[in-house]
Amino acid sequence: MKKGDAQDPKGLIYESYRIEGITEPECRTIFLDWALSLPVGQDSRTALEALIARYGGDAPDHPMTQVMRAGLEEMGKPRRRGGARARPRGEG
């Protein structure tokens, strides 16, 4: 397994699976750092799906697998837009 590739440029996800006793909150922090480290224009959904395929099968109960799956689920949920765009417009 190669550390640092297109889906995991800094090797953060790779390393998280090697930390004995890592917790879910620690994995969420690493996941956020991972998301922020993706190159501009990289499809985060595709990268996340590849990482789940790479690690999730061998470690389905690992906290990082659970965090990544939750992240993928959240990407699929529609988000409410706030501000002026969410307000009804008058006919006036």
N, C-alpha and C. Protein backbone atom coordinates (compact mmCIF):
# COMPACT_ATOMS: atom_id res chain seq x y z
N MET A 1 0.85 -1.18 0.00
CA MET A 1 0.00 0.00 0.00
C MET A 1 0.89 1.24 0.00
N LYS A 2 0.58 2.14 -0.88
CA LYS A 2 1.36 3.35 -1.03
C LYS A 2 0.81 4.46 -0.14
N LYS A 3 1.70 5.12 0.56
CA LYS A 3 1.30 6.25 1.41
C LYS A 3 1.34 7.52 0.57
N GLY A 4 0.23 8.24 0.57
CA GLY A 4 0.16 9.49 -0.18
C GLY A 4 -0.12 9.25 -1.65
N ASP A 5 -1.36 9.32 -2.05
CA ASP A 5 -1.75 9.17 -3.45
C ASP A 5 -2.86 10.17 -3.75
N ALA A 6 -3.50 10.04 -4.90
CA ALA A 6 -4.50 11.02 -5.31
C ALA A 6 -5.67 11.11 -4.34
N GLN A 7 -6.09 9.97 -3.76
CA GLN A 7 -7.22 10.00 -2.84
C GLN A 7 -6.83 10.41 -1.42
N ASP A 8 -5.57 10.27 -1.09
CA ASP A 8 -5.09 10.55 0.28
C ASP A 8 -3.71 11.21 0.18
N PRO A 9 -3.67 12.46 -0.29
CA PRO A 9 -2.40 13.11 -0.60
C PRO A 9 -1.38 13.14 0.55
N LYS A 10 -1.83 13.35 1.76
CA LYS A 10 -0.92 13.41 2.91
C LYS A 10 -0.77 12.06 3.61
N GLY A 11 -1.51 11.06 3.17
CA GLY A 11 -1.48 9.76 3.82
C GLY A 11 -2.19 9.74 5.16
N LEU A 12 -3.09 10.68 5.38
CA LEU A 12 -3.78 10.79 6.67
C LEU A 12 -4.68 9.60 6.95
N ILE A 13 -5.43 9.19 5.96
CA ILE A 13 -6.34 8.06 6.16
C ILE A 13 -5.51 6.78 6.35
N TYR A 14 -4.51 6.63 5.54
CA TYR A 14 -3.59 5.49 5.65
C TYR A 14 -3.05 5.37 7.08
N GLU A 15 -2.56 6.47 7.61
CA GLU A 15 -1.97 6.47 8.95
C GLU A 15 -3.01 6.22 10.04
N SER A 16 -4.23 6.70 9.84
CA SER A 16 -5.27 6.53 10.87
C SER A 16 -5.56 5.06 11.13
N TYR A 17 -5.44 4.24 10.11
CA TYR A 17 -5.69 2.81 10.28
C TYR A 17 -4.53 2.10 10.98
N ARG A 18 -3.43 2.79 11.16
CA ARG A 18 -2.27 2.20 11.81
C ARG A 18 -2.08 2.67 13.26
N ILE A 19 -2.96 3.56 13.71
CA ILE A 19 -2.89 4.07 15.08
C ILE A 19 -3.71 3.17 15.98
N GLU A 20 -3.05 2.46 16.84
CA GLU A 20 -3.74 1.54 17.74
C GLU A 20 -4.57 2.33 18.76
N GLY A 21 -5.81 1.92 18.92
CA GLY A 21 -6.68 2.54 19.92
C GLY A 21 -7.24 3.89 19.51
N ILE A 22 -7.18 4.24 18.23
CA ILE A 22 -7.70 5.53 17.77
C ILE A 22 -9.21 5.58 18.03
N THR A 23 -9.70 6.76 18.37
CA THR A 23 -11.11 6.93 18.70
C THR A 23 -11.86 7.62 17.56
N GLU A 24 -13.18 7.56 17.62
CA GLU A 24 -13.99 8.20 16.59
C GLU A 24 -13.78 9.73 16.55
N PRO A 25 -13.73 10.43 17.69
CA PRO A 25 -13.46 11.87 17.62
C PRO A 25 -12.11 12.18 16.96
N GLU A 26 -11.11 11.37 17.24
CA GLU A 26 -9.80 11.57 16.59
C GLU A 26 -9.91 11.34 15.09
N CYS A 27 -10.68 10.33 14.70
CA CYS A 27 -10.89 10.06 13.28
C CYS A 27 -11.63 11.19 12.60
N ARG A 28 -12.60 11.80 13.28
CA ARG A 28 -13.32 12.95 12.69
C ARG A 28 -12.37 14.11 12.44
N THR A 29 -11.45 14.33 13.37
CA THR A 29 -10.46 15.41 13.20
C THR A 29 -9.56 15.11 12.01
N ILE A 30 -9.10 13.88 11.90
CA ILE A 30 -8.24 13.48 10.78
C ILE A 30 -9.01 13.59 9.47
N PHE A 31 -10.28 13.17 9.50
CA PHE A 31 -11.11 13.24 8.30
C PHE A 31 -11.26 14.68 7.81
N LEU A 32 -11.47 15.61 8.73
CA LEU A 32 -11.58 17.01 8.35
C LEU A 32 -10.28 17.51 7.72
N ASP A 33 -9.15 17.15 8.32
CA ASP A 33 -7.85 17.52 7.77
C ASP A 33 -7.68 16.91 6.38
N TRP A 34 -8.10 15.67 6.21
CA TRP A 34 -8.04 15.01 4.91
C TRP A 34 -8.85 15.80 3.88
N ALA A 35 -10.09 16.14 4.24
CA ALA A 35 -10.97 16.86 3.31
C ALA A 35 -10.37 18.19 2.91
N LEU A 36 -9.75 18.88 3.86
CA LEU A 36 -9.15 20.18 3.56
C LEU A 36 -7.86 20.06 2.75
N SER A 37 -7.25 18.88 2.75
CA SER A 37 -5.99 18.71 2.04
C SER A 37 -6.16 18.22 0.60
N LEU A 38 -7.39 17.91 0.21
CA LEU A 38 -7.61 17.49 -1.18
C LEU A 38 -7.32 18.65 -2.13
N PRO A 39 -6.71 18.35 -3.26
CA PRO A 39 -6.43 19.42 -4.24
C PRO A 39 -7.73 20.06 -4.74
N VAL A 40 -7.66 21.33 -5.07
CA VAL A 40 -8.80 22.05 -5.63
C VAL A 40 -9.24 21.33 -6.90
N GLY A 41 -10.53 21.11 -7.02
CA GLY A 41 -11.07 20.45 -8.20
C GLY A 41 -11.19 18.94 -8.07
N GLN A 42 -10.58 18.37 -7.04
CA GLN A 42 -10.68 16.92 -6.83
C GLN A 42 -12.08 16.58 -6.35
N ASP A 43 -12.67 15.56 -6.92
CA ASP A 43 -14.00 15.12 -6.52
C ASP A 43 -13.88 14.36 -5.20
N SER A 44 -14.32 14.98 -4.12
CA SER A 44 -14.17 14.37 -2.79
C SER A 44 -15.02 13.11 -2.65
N ARG A 45 -16.16 13.08 -3.31
CA ARG A 45 -17.02 11.89 -3.23
C ARG A 45 -16.30 10.68 -3.85
N THR A 46 -15.72 10.85 -5.01
CA THR A 46 -15.00 9.76 -5.68
C THR A 46 -13.81 9.32 -4.84
N ALA A 47 -13.07 10.27 -4.28
CA ALA A 47 -11.92 9.94 -3.43
C ALA A 47 -12.38 9.16 -2.20
N LEU A 48 -13.45 9.60 -1.59
CA LEU A 48 -13.96 8.94 -0.39
C LEU A 48 -14.45 7.53 -0.70
N GLU A 49 -15.14 7.36 -1.81
CA GLU A 49 -15.59 6.03 -2.21
C GLU A 49 -14.40 5.10 -2.42
N ALA A 50 -13.33 5.60 -3.03
CA ALA A 50 -12.13 4.78 -3.25
C ALA A 50 -11.48 4.39 -1.93
N LEU A 51 -11.43 5.32 -0.99
CA LEU A 51 -10.81 5.02 0.31
C LEU A 51 -11.64 4.03 1.11
N ILE A 52 -12.96 4.14 1.04
CA ILE A 52 -13.82 3.17 1.72
C ILE A 52 -13.62 1.78 1.10
N ALA A 53 -13.53 1.72 -0.22
CA ALA A 53 -13.30 0.44 -0.88
C ALA A 53 -11.94 -0.13 -0.49
N ARG A 54 -10.94 0.73 -0.34
CA ARG A 54 -9.59 0.29 -0.02
C ARG A 54 -9.48 -0.23 1.40
N TYR A 55 -10.08 0.46 2.37
CA TYR A 55 -9.88 0.13 3.78
C TYR A 55 -11.09 -0.50 4.46
N GLY A 56 -12.27 -0.15 4.02
CA GLY A 56 -13.49 -0.55 4.72
C GLY A 56 -13.74 -2.04 4.77
N GLY A 57 -13.38 -2.75 3.71
CA GLY A 57 -13.62 -4.19 3.69
C GLY A 57 -12.80 -4.95 4.72
N ASP A 58 -11.55 -4.52 4.91
CA ASP A 58 -10.67 -5.19 5.87
C ASP A 58 -10.91 -4.72 7.31
N ALA A 59 -11.49 -3.54 7.46
CA ALA A 59 -11.69 -2.98 8.80
C ALA A 59 -13.07 -2.32 8.91
N PRO A 60 -14.14 -3.10 8.76
CA PRO A 60 -15.49 -2.50 8.75
C PRO A 60 -15.89 -1.85 10.06
N ASP A 61 -15.29 -2.28 11.18
CA ASP A 61 -15.64 -1.72 12.48
C ASP A 61 -14.68 -0.65 12.96
N HIS A 62 -13.69 -0.32 12.15
CA HIS A 62 -12.71 0.71 12.53
C HIS A 62 -13.42 2.07 12.58
N PRO A 63 -13.08 2.90 13.55
CA PRO A 63 -13.75 4.22 13.65
C PRO A 63 -13.59 5.07 12.38
N MET A 64 -12.46 4.96 11.68
CA MET A 64 -12.29 5.76 10.46
C MET A 64 -13.22 5.27 9.37
N THR A 65 -13.44 3.98 9.28
CA THR A 65 -14.39 3.45 8.29
C THR A 65 -15.78 4.02 8.58
N GLN A 66 -16.15 4.05 9.84
CA GLN A 66 -17.46 4.58 10.22
C GLN A 66 -17.57 6.07 9.91
N VAL A 67 -16.51 6.82 10.18
CA VAL A 67 -16.50 8.26 9.91
C VAL A 67 -16.59 8.51 8.40
N MET A 68 -15.84 7.75 7.62
CA MET A 68 -15.87 7.94 6.16
C MET A 68 -17.24 7.59 5.59
N ARG A 69 -17.85 6.52 6.08
CA ARG A 69 -19.20 6.16 5.61
C ARG A 69 -20.21 7.24 5.96
N ALA A 70 -20.11 7.78 7.17
CA ALA A 70 -21.01 8.87 7.58
C ALA A 70 -20.78 10.09 6.70
N GLY A 71 -19.54 10.39 6.38
CA GLY A 71 -19.23 11.52 5.50
C GLY A 71 -19.83 11.34 4.12
N LEU A 72 -19.76 10.13 3.60
CA LEU A 72 -20.34 9.84 2.30
C LEU A 72 -21.85 10.00 2.33
N GLU A 73 -22.48 9.54 3.40
CA GLU A 73 -23.93 9.69 3.54
C GLU A 73 -24.32 11.16 3.59
N GLU A 74 -23.55 11.96 4.32
CA GLU A 74 -23.86 13.39 4.44
C GLU A 74 -23.73 14.10 3.10
N MET A 75 -22.81 13.65 2.25
CA MET A 75 -22.65 14.26 0.92
C MET A 75 -23.89 14.07 0.07
N GLY A 76 -24.63 13.01 0.32
CA GLY A 76 -25.81 12.71 -0.48
C GLY A 76 -27.06 13.44 -0.05
N LYS A 77 -27.03 14.04 1.13
CA LYS A 77 -28.21 14.73 1.65
C LYS A 77 -28.29 16.14 1.08
N PRO A 78 -29.48 16.54 0.62
CA PRO A 78 -29.63 17.91 0.14
C PRO A 78 -29.52 18.90 1.31
N ARG A 79 -28.97 20.02 1.03
CA ARG A 79 -28.78 21.04 2.05
C ARG A 79 -29.72 22.22 1.79
N ARG A 80 -30.25 22.76 2.86
CA ARG A 80 -31.11 23.94 2.77
C ARG A 80 -30.24 25.16 2.58
N ARG A 81 -30.61 25.97 1.65
CA ARG A 81 -29.88 27.21 1.43
C ARG A 81 -30.42 28.27 2.37
N GLY A 82 -29.56 29.02 2.96
CA GLY A 82 -29.98 30.07 3.88
C GLY A 82 -29.94 31.43 3.22
N GLY A 83 -30.23 32.43 3.98
CA GLY A 83 -30.12 33.78 3.48
C GLY A 83 -31.24 34.17 2.54
N ALA A 84 -30.95 35.14 1.70
CA ALA A 84 -31.95 35.71 0.80
C ALA A 84 -32.51 34.68 -0.18
N ARG A 85 -31.69 33.74 -0.61
CA ARG A 85 -32.14 32.74 -1.58
C ARG A 85 -33.19 31.80 -1.00
N ALA A 86 -33.21 31.66 0.29
CA ALA A 86 -34.19 30.76 0.93
C ALA A 86 -35.51 31.45 1.22
N ARG A 87 -35.52 32.76 1.18
CA ARG A 87 -36.73 33.51 1.51
C ARG A 87 -37.67 33.59 0.31
N PRO A 88 -38.98 33.50 0.59
CA PRO A 88 -39.94 33.65 -0.50
C PRO A 88 -39.85 35.06 -1.10
N ARG A 89 -40.04 35.11 -2.37
CA ARG A 89 -39.96 36.41 -3.07
C ARG A 89 -41.38 36.95 -3.26
N GLY A 90 -41.53 38.24 -3.05
CA GLY A 90 -42.82 38.89 -3.24
C GLY A 90 -43.08 39.18 -4.71
N GLU A 91 -44.32 39.29 -5.07
CA GLU A 91 -44.71 39.57 -6.45
C GLU A 91 -44.67 41.07 -6.75
N GLY A 92 -44.35 41.88 -5.81
CA GLY A 92 -44.46 43.32 -5.89
C GLY A 92 -43.58 43.99 -6.74
